[in-house]
Amino acid sequence: MTNDNTKRPTHRVYHEVKNKDGKTVRSTEIGAIWPKRSGSGFSMKLDYVPVDFTGWLDIRALEDAEEAQGGRQ
């Protein structure tokens, strides 16, 4: 199997739980996203999926400084 992804992810995936007012009360990083080399889409790798998957997925672009430090913080 070949890896059709670029070397580093361009986005991080977070699971967010919000309160009744819509404010995020918990945000947990759960994975990353890479653009496909072919340019036709993305690949997403989830490190885990929360058992109680009520909430939102938040996709955040990596900043250049964060990516230069090796990603996750």
PDB file of N, CA and C in Angstrom:
ATOM      1  N   MET A   1       0.852  -1.174   0.000  1.00  0.00           N
ATOM      2  CA  MET A   1       0.000   0.000   0.000  1.00  0.00           C
ATOM      3  C   MET A   1       0.900   1.239   0.000  1.00  0.00           C
ATOM      4  N   THR A   2       0.605   2.197  -0.853  1.00  0.00           N
ATOM      5  CA  THR A   2       1.392   3.422  -0.901  1.00  0.00           C
ATOM      6  C   THR A   2       0.681   4.522  -0.141  1.00  0.00           C
ATOM      7  N   ASN A   3       1.471   5.435   0.369  1.00  0.00           N
ATOM      8  CA  ASN A   3       0.926   6.578   1.084  1.00  0.00           C
ATOM      9  C   ASN A   3       0.706   7.697   0.082  1.00  0.00           C
ATOM     10  N   ASP A   4      -0.527   8.092  -0.130  1.00  0.00           N
ATOM     11  CA  ASP A   4      -0.869   9.110  -1.129  1.00  0.00           C
ATOM     12  C   ASP A   4      -0.961  10.500  -0.497  1.00  0.00           C
ATOM     13  N   ASN A   5      -0.358  10.674   0.673  1.00  0.00           N
ATOM     14  CA  ASN A   5      -0.474  11.935   1.390  1.00  0.00           C
ATOM     15  C   ASN A   5       0.849  12.688   1.381  1.00  0.00           C
ATOM     16  N   THR A   6       0.778  13.997   1.613  1.00  0.00           N
ATOM     17  CA  THR A   6       1.993  14.768   1.779  1.00  0.00           C
ATOM     18  C   THR A   6       2.627  14.375   3.107  1.00  0.00           C
ATOM     19  N   LYS A   7       3.844  14.812   3.325  1.00  0.00           N
ATOM     20  CA  LYS A   7       4.600  14.374   4.488  1.00  0.00           C
ATOM     21  C   LYS A   7       3.999  14.849   5.818  1.00  0.00           C
ATOM     22  N   ARG A   8       3.514  16.066   5.888  1.00  0.00           N
ATOM     23  CA  ARG A   8       2.984  16.605   7.139  1.00  0.00           C
ATOM     24  C   ARG A   8       1.510  16.989   6.980  1.00  0.00           C
ATOM     25  N   PRO A   9       0.766  16.867   8.067  1.00  0.00           N
ATOM     26  CA  PRO A   9      -0.642  17.280   7.986  1.00  0.00           C
ATOM     27  C   PRO A   9      -0.758  18.790   7.853  1.00  0.00           C
ATOM     28  N   THR A  10      -1.841  19.235   7.246  1.00  0.00           N
ATOM     29  CA  THR A  10      -2.089  20.672   7.102  1.00  0.00           C
ATOM     30  C   THR A  10      -3.161  21.159   8.063  1.00  0.00           C
ATOM     31  N   HIS A  11      -3.920  20.218   8.650  1.00  0.00           N
ATOM     32  CA  HIS A  11      -4.998  20.571   9.571  1.00  0.00           C
ATOM     33  C   HIS A  11      -5.045  19.577  10.734  1.00  0.00           C
ATOM     34  N   ARG A  12      -5.558  20.025  11.854  1.00  0.00           N
ATOM     35  CA  ARG A  12      -5.814  19.165  13.006  1.00  0.00           C
ATOM     36  C   ARG A  12      -7.322  19.048  13.182  1.00  0.00           C
ATOM     37  N   VAL A  13      -7.760  17.909  13.707  1.00  0.00           N
ATOM     38  CA  VAL A  13      -9.182  17.650  13.936  1.00  0.00           C
ATOM     39  C   VAL A  13      -9.419  17.630  15.448  1.00  0.00           C
ATOM     40  N   TYR A  14     -10.420  18.384  15.893  1.00  0.00           N
ATOM     41  CA  TYR A  14     -10.768  18.458  17.312  1.00  0.00           C
ATOM     42  C   TYR A  14     -12.222  18.071  17.504  1.00  0.00           C
ATOM     43  N   HIS A  15     -12.502  17.391  18.597  1.00  0.00           N
ATOM     44  CA  HIS A  15     -13.880  17.107  19.001  1.00  0.00           C
ATOM     45  C   HIS A  15     -14.236  18.162  20.028  1.00  0.00           C
ATOM     46  N   GLU A  16     -15.325  18.893  19.782  1.00  0.00           N
ATOM     47  CA  GLU A  16     -15.739  19.964  20.689  1.00  0.00           C
ATOM     48  C   GLU A  16     -17.108  19.674  21.276  1.00  0.00           C
ATOM     49  N   VAL A  17     -17.216  19.925  22.559  1.00  0.00           N
ATOM     50  CA  VAL A  17     -18.489  19.844  23.263  1.00  0.00           C
ATOM     51  C   VAL A  17     -18.874  21.275  23.624  1.00  0.00           C
ATOM     52  N   LYS A  18     -20.103  21.650  23.298  1.00  0.00           N
ATOM     53  CA  LYS A  18     -20.569  23.017  23.534  1.00  0.00           C
ATOM     54  C   LYS A  18     -21.691  23.025  24.570  1.00  0.00           C
ATOM     55  N   ASN A  19     -21.810  24.151  25.284  1.00  0.00           N
ATOM     56  CA  ASN A  19     -22.908  24.278  26.255  1.00  0.00           C
ATOM     57  C   ASN A  19     -24.170  24.773  25.550  1.00  0.00           C
ATOM     58  N   LYS A  20     -25.214  25.020  26.312  1.00  0.00           N
ATOM     59  CA  LYS A  20     -26.499  25.430  25.721  1.00  0.00           C
ATOM     60  C   LYS A  20     -26.412  26.745  24.965  1.00  0.00           C
ATOM     61  N   ASP A  21     -25.428  27.597  25.337  1.00  0.00           N
ATOM     62  CA  ASP A  21     -25.253  28.884  24.667  1.00  0.00           C
ATOM     63  C   ASP A  21     -24.384  28.786  23.416  1.00  0.00           C
ATOM     64  N   GLY A  22     -23.895  27.591  23.117  1.00  0.00           N
ATOM     65  CA  GLY A  22     -23.060  27.403  21.942  1.00  0.00           C
ATOM     66  C   GLY A  22     -21.584  27.651  22.184  1.00  0.00           C
ATOM     67  N   LYS A  23     -21.195  27.907  23.433  1.00  0.00           N
ATOM     68  CA  LYS A  23     -19.795  28.145  23.764  1.00  0.00           C
ATOM     69  C   LYS A  23     -19.087  26.805  23.975  1.00  0.00           C
ATOM     70  N   THR A  24     -17.881  26.684  23.414  1.00  0.00           N
ATOM     71  CA  THR A  24     -17.109  25.446  23.565  1.00  0.00           C
ATOM     72  C   THR A  24     -16.651  25.302  25.005  1.00  0.00           C
ATOM     73  N   VAL A  25     -16.995  24.164  25.611  1.00  0.00           N
ATOM     74  CA  VAL A  25     -16.583  23.910  26.988  1.00  0.00           C
ATOM     75  C   VAL A  25     -15.464  22.866  27.061  1.00  0.00           C
ATOM     76  N   ARG A  26     -15.282  22.098  25.986  1.00  0.00           N
ATOM     77  CA  ARG A  26     -14.188  21.120  25.942  1.00  0.00           C
ATOM     78  C   ARG A  26     -13.783  20.914  24.490  1.00  0.00           C
ATOM     79  N   SER A  27     -12.478  20.938  24.251  1.00  0.00           N
ATOM     80  CA  SER A  27     -11.937  20.724  22.916  1.00  0.00           C
ATOM     81  C   SER A  27     -10.779  19.741  23.035  1.00  0.00           C
ATOM     82  N   THR A  28     -10.882  18.608  22.338  1.00  0.00           N
ATOM     83  CA  THR A  28      -9.868  17.566  22.417  1.00  0.00           C
ATOM     84  C   THR A  28      -9.372  17.234  21.017  1.00  0.00           C
ATOM     85  N   GLU A  29      -8.064  17.286  20.834  1.00  0.00           N
ATOM     86  CA  GLU A  29      -7.502  16.923  19.533  1.00  0.00           C
ATOM     87  C   GLU A  29      -7.651  15.419  19.328  1.00  0.00           C
ATOM     88  N   ILE A  30      -8.210  15.039  18.165  1.00  0.00           N
ATOM     89  CA  ILE A  30      -8.435  13.612  17.924  1.00  0.00           C
ATOM     90  C   ILE A  30      -7.797  13.106  16.632  1.00  0.00           C
ATOM     91  N   GLY A  31      -7.203  13.988  15.817  1.00  0.00           N
ATOM     92  CA  GLY A  31      -6.601  13.510  14.579  1.00  0.00           C
ATOM     93  C   GLY A  31      -6.031  14.618  13.718  1.00  0.00           C
ATOM     94  N   ALA A  32      -5.746  14.271  12.468  1.00  0.00           N
ATOM     95  CA  ALA A  32      -5.128  15.216  11.541  1.00  0.00           C
ATOM     96  C   ALA A  32      -5.617  14.951  10.120  1.00  0.00           C
ATOM     97  N   ILE A  33      -5.393  15.954   9.243  1.00  0.00           N
ATOM     98  CA  ILE A  33      -5.809  15.868   7.842  1.00  0.00           C
ATOM     99  C   ILE A  33      -4.636  16.249   6.945  1.00  0.00           C
ATOM    100  N   TRP A  34      -4.471  15.466   5.865  1.00  0.00           N
ATOM    101  CA  TRP A  34      -3.453  15.709   4.858  1.00  0.00           C
ATOM    102  C   TRP A  34      -4.124  15.862   3.498  1.00  0.00           C
ATOM    103  N   PRO A  35      -3.650  16.807   2.654  1.00  0.00           N
ATOM    104  CA  PRO A  35      -4.159  16.845   1.277  1.00  0.00           C
ATOM    105  C   PRO A  35      -3.537  15.701   0.481  1.00  0.00           C
ATOM    106  N   LYS A  36      -4.291  15.141  -0.437  1.00  0.00           N
ATOM    107  CA  LYS A  36      -3.761  14.074  -1.296  1.00  0.00           C
ATOM    108  C   LYS A  36      -2.814  14.686  -2.321  1.00  0.00           C
ATOM    109  N   ARG A  37      -1.786  13.961  -2.645  1.00  0.00           N
ATOM    110  CA  ARG A  37      -0.809  14.442  -3.631  1.00  0.00           C
ATOM    111  C   ARG A  37      -1.452  14.691  -4.976  1.00  0.00           C
ATOM    112  N   SER A  38      -2.487  13.935  -5.280  1.00  0.00           N
ATOM    113  CA  SER A  38      -3.166  14.101  -6.564  1.00  0.00           C
ATOM    114  C   SER A  38      -3.936  15.417  -6.632  1.00  0.00           C
ATOM    115  N   GLY A  39      -4.161  16.039  -5.467  1.00  0.00           N
ATOM    116  CA  GLY A  39      -4.898  17.297  -5.425  1.00  0.00           C
ATOM    117  C   GLY A  39      -6.402  17.107  -5.417  1.00  0.00           C
ATOM    118  N   SER A  40      -6.863  15.861  -5.342  1.00  0.00           N
ATOM    119  CA  SER A  40      -8.302  15.612  -5.405  1.00  0.00           C
ATOM    120  C   SER A  40      -8.854  15.132  -4.065  1.00  0.00           C
ATOM    121  N   GLY A  41      -8.686  15.945  -3.062  1.00  0.00           N
ATOM    122  CA  GLY A  41      -9.275  15.591  -1.782  1.00  0.00           C
ATOM    123  C   GLY A  41      -8.268  15.533  -0.653  1.00  0.00           C
ATOM    124  N   PHE A  42      -8.728  14.970   0.461  1.00  0.00           N
ATOM    125  CA  PHE A  42      -7.939  14.915   1.682  1.00  0.00           C
ATOM    126  C   PHE A  42      -8.047  13.536   2.305  1.00  0.00           C
ATOM    127  N   SER A  43      -7.085  13.206   3.162  1.00  0.00           N
ATOM    128  CA  SER A  43      -7.148  12.004   3.981  1.00  0.00           C
ATOM    129  C   SER A  43      -7.176  12.437   5.438  1.00  0.00           C
ATOM    130  N   MET A  44      -7.997  11.767   6.228  1.00  0.00           N
ATOM    131  CA  MET A  44      -8.100  12.098   7.645  1.00  0.00           C
ATOM    132  C   MET A  44      -7.749  10.863   8.460  1.00  0.00           C
ATOM    133  N   LYS A  45      -6.893  11.040   9.458  1.00  0.00           N
ATOM    134  CA  LYS A  45      -6.542   9.964  10.373  1.00  0.00           C
ATOM    135  C   LYS A  45      -6.999  10.386  11.764  1.00  0.00           C
ATOM    136  N   LEU A  46      -7.892   9.593  12.340  1.00  0.00           N
ATOM    137  CA  LEU A  46      -8.341   9.860  13.701  1.00  0.00           C
ATOM    138  C   LEU A  46      -7.564   8.955  14.640  1.00  0.00           C
ATOM    139  N   ASP A  47      -6.958   9.544  15.662  1.00  0.00           N
ATOM    140  CA  ASP A  47      -6.230   8.769  16.663  1.00  0.00           C
ATOM    141  C   ASP A  47      -7.203   8.021  17.559  1.00  0.00           C
ATOM    142  N   TYR A  48      -8.347   8.600  17.788  1.00  0.00           N
ATOM    143  CA  TYR A  48      -9.425   7.923  18.496  1.00  0.00           C
ATOM    144  C   TYR A  48     -10.731   8.642  18.222  1.00  0.00           C
ATOM    145  N   VAL A  49     -11.823   7.956  18.474  1.00  0.00           N
ATOM    146  CA  VAL A  49     -13.153   8.534  18.324  1.00  0.00           C
ATOM    147  C   VAL A  49     -13.796   8.514  19.711  1.00  0.00           C
ATOM    148  N   PRO A  50     -14.229   9.668  20.207  1.00  0.00           N
ATOM    149  CA  PRO A  50     -14.849   9.701  21.537  1.00  0.00           C
ATOM    150  C   PRO A  50     -16.045   8.743  21.617  1.00  0.00           C
ATOM    151  N   VAL A  51     -16.178   8.074  22.749  1.00  0.00           N
ATOM    152  CA  VAL A  51     -17.284   7.137  22.948  1.00  0.00           C
ATOM    153  C   VAL A  51     -18.619   7.864  22.856  1.00  0.00           C
ATOM    154  N   ASP A  52     -18.720   9.000  23.514  1.00  0.00           N
ATOM    155  CA  ASP A  52     -19.924   9.827  23.455  1.00  0.00           C
ATOM    156  C   ASP A  52     -19.696  10.871  22.368  1.00  0.00           C
ATOM    157  N   PHE A  53     -20.048  10.520  21.136  1.00  0.00           N
ATOM    158  CA  PHE A  53     -19.717  11.393  20.011  1.00  0.00           C
ATOM    159  C   PHE A  53     -20.809  12.423  19.731  1.00  0.00           C
ATOM    160  N   THR A  54     -21.381  12.978  20.779  1.00  0.00           N
ATOM    161  CA  THR A  54     -22.254  14.133  20.575  1.00  0.00           C
ATOM    162  C   THR A  54     -21.347  15.347  20.611  1.00  0.00           C
ATOM    163  N   GLY A  55     -21.540  16.248  19.743  1.00  0.00           N
ATOM    164  CA  GLY A  55     -20.683  17.428  19.682  1.00  0.00           C
ATOM    165  C   GLY A  55     -20.346  17.759  18.247  1.00  0.00           C
ATOM    166  N   TRP A  56     -19.267  18.479  18.079  1.00  0.00           N
ATOM    167  CA  TRP A  56     -18.860  18.993  16.775  1.00  0.00           C
ATOM    168  C   TRP A  56     -17.443  18.564  16.456  1.00  0.00           C
ATOM    169  N   LEU A  57     -17.150  18.419  15.163  1.00  0.00           N
ATOM    170  CA  LEU A  57     -15.772  18.272  14.725  1.00  0.00           C
ATOM    171  C   LEU A  57     -15.312  19.643  14.261  1.00  0.00           C
ATOM    172  N   ASP A  58     -14.177  20.068  14.756  1.00  0.00           N
ATOM    173  CA  ASP A  58     -13.609  21.358  14.384  1.00  0.00           C
ATOM    174  C   ASP A  58     -12.309  21.085  13.649  1.00  0.00           C
ATOM    175  N   ILE A  59     -12.198  21.572  12.418  1.00  0.00           N
ATOM    176  CA  ILE A  59     -11.007  21.393  11.603  1.00  0.00           C
ATOM    177  C   ILE A  59     -10.243  22.710  11.625  1.00  0.00           C
ATOM    178  N   ARG A  60      -9.003  22.661  12.099  1.00  0.00           N
ATOM    179  CA  ARG A  60      -8.194  23.884  12.216  1.00  0.00           C
ATOM    180  C   ARG A  60      -6.932  23.762  11.380  1.00  0.00           C
ATOM    181  N   ALA A  61      -6.677  24.785  10.567  1.00  0.00           N
ATOM    182  CA  ALA A  61      -5.446  24.817   9.771  1.00  0.00           C
ATOM    183  C   ALA A  61      -4.259  25.011  10.699  1.00  0.00           C
ATOM    184  N   LEU A  62      -3.151  24.351  10.371  1.00  0.00           N
ATOM    185  CA  LEU A  62      -1.931  24.515  11.155  1.00  0.00           C
ATOM    186  C   LEU A  62      -1.266  25.825  10.788  1.00  0.00           C
ATOM    187  N   GLU A  63      -0.724  26.489  11.767  1.00  0.00           N
ATOM    188  CA  GLU A  63       0.054  27.695  11.540  1.00  0.00           C
ATOM    189  C   GLU A  63       1.466  27.274  11.159  1.00  0.00           C
ATOM    190  N   ASP A  64       2.164  28.097  10.389  1.00  0.00           N
ATOM    191  CA  ASP A  64       3.515  27.756   9.963  1.00  0.00           C
ATOM    192  C   ASP A  64       4.430  27.509  11.153  1.00  0.00           C
ATOM    193  N   ALA A  65       4.320  28.316  12.211  1.00  0.00           N
ATOM    194  CA  ALA A  65       5.175  28.148  13.390  1.00  0.00           C
ATOM    195  C   ALA A  65       4.912  26.828  14.077  1.00  0.00           C
ATOM    196  N   GLU A  66       3.653  26.440  14.183  1.00  0.00           N
ATOM    197  CA  GLU A  66       3.292  25.167  14.829  1.00  0.00           C
ATOM    198  C   GLU A  66       3.834  23.998  14.020  1.00  0.00           C
ATOM    199  N   GLU A  67       3.676  24.076  12.693  1.00  0.00           N
ATOM    200  CA  GLU A  67       4.137  22.991  11.823  1.00  0.00           C
ATOM    201  C   GLU A  67       5.663  22.852  11.905  1.00  0.00           C
ATOM    202  N   ALA A  68       6.364  23.983  12.002  1.00  0.00           N
ATOM    203  CA  ALA A  68       7.820  23.942  12.087  1.00  0.00           C
ATOM    204  C   ALA A  68       8.286  23.295  13.389  1.00  0.00           C
ATOM    205  N   GLN A  69       7.465  23.362  14.433  1.00  0.00           N
ATOM    206  CA  GLN A  69       7.815  22.762  15.722  1.00  0.00           C
ATOM    207  C   GLN A  69       7.459  21.291  15.783  1.00  0.00           C
ATOM    208  N   GLY A  70       6.956  20.749  14.714  1.00  0.00           N
ATOM    209  CA  GLY A  70       6.651  19.327  14.698  1.00  0.00           C
ATOM    210  C   GLY A  70       5.208  19.008  14.930  1.00  0.00           C
ATOM    211  N   GLY A  71       4.331  19.983  14.867  1.00  0.00           N
ATOM    212  CA  GLY A  71       2.900  19.683  14.944  1.00  0.00           C
ATOM    213  C   GLY A  71       2.290  19.831  16.319  1.00  0.00           C
ATOM    214  N   ARG A  72       1.838  18.730  16.894  1.00  0.00           N
ATOM    215  CA  ARG A  72       1.019  18.738  18.104  1.00  0.00           C
ATOM    216  C   ARG A  72       1.673  19.444  19.268  1.00  0.00           C
ATOM    217  N   GLN A  73       0.801  20.101  20.023  1.00  0.00           N
ATOM    218  CA  GLN A  73       1.257  20.801  21.216  1.00  0.00           C
ATOM    219  C   GLN A  73       0.377  20.487  22.369  1.00  0.00           C
TER     220      GLN A  73
END
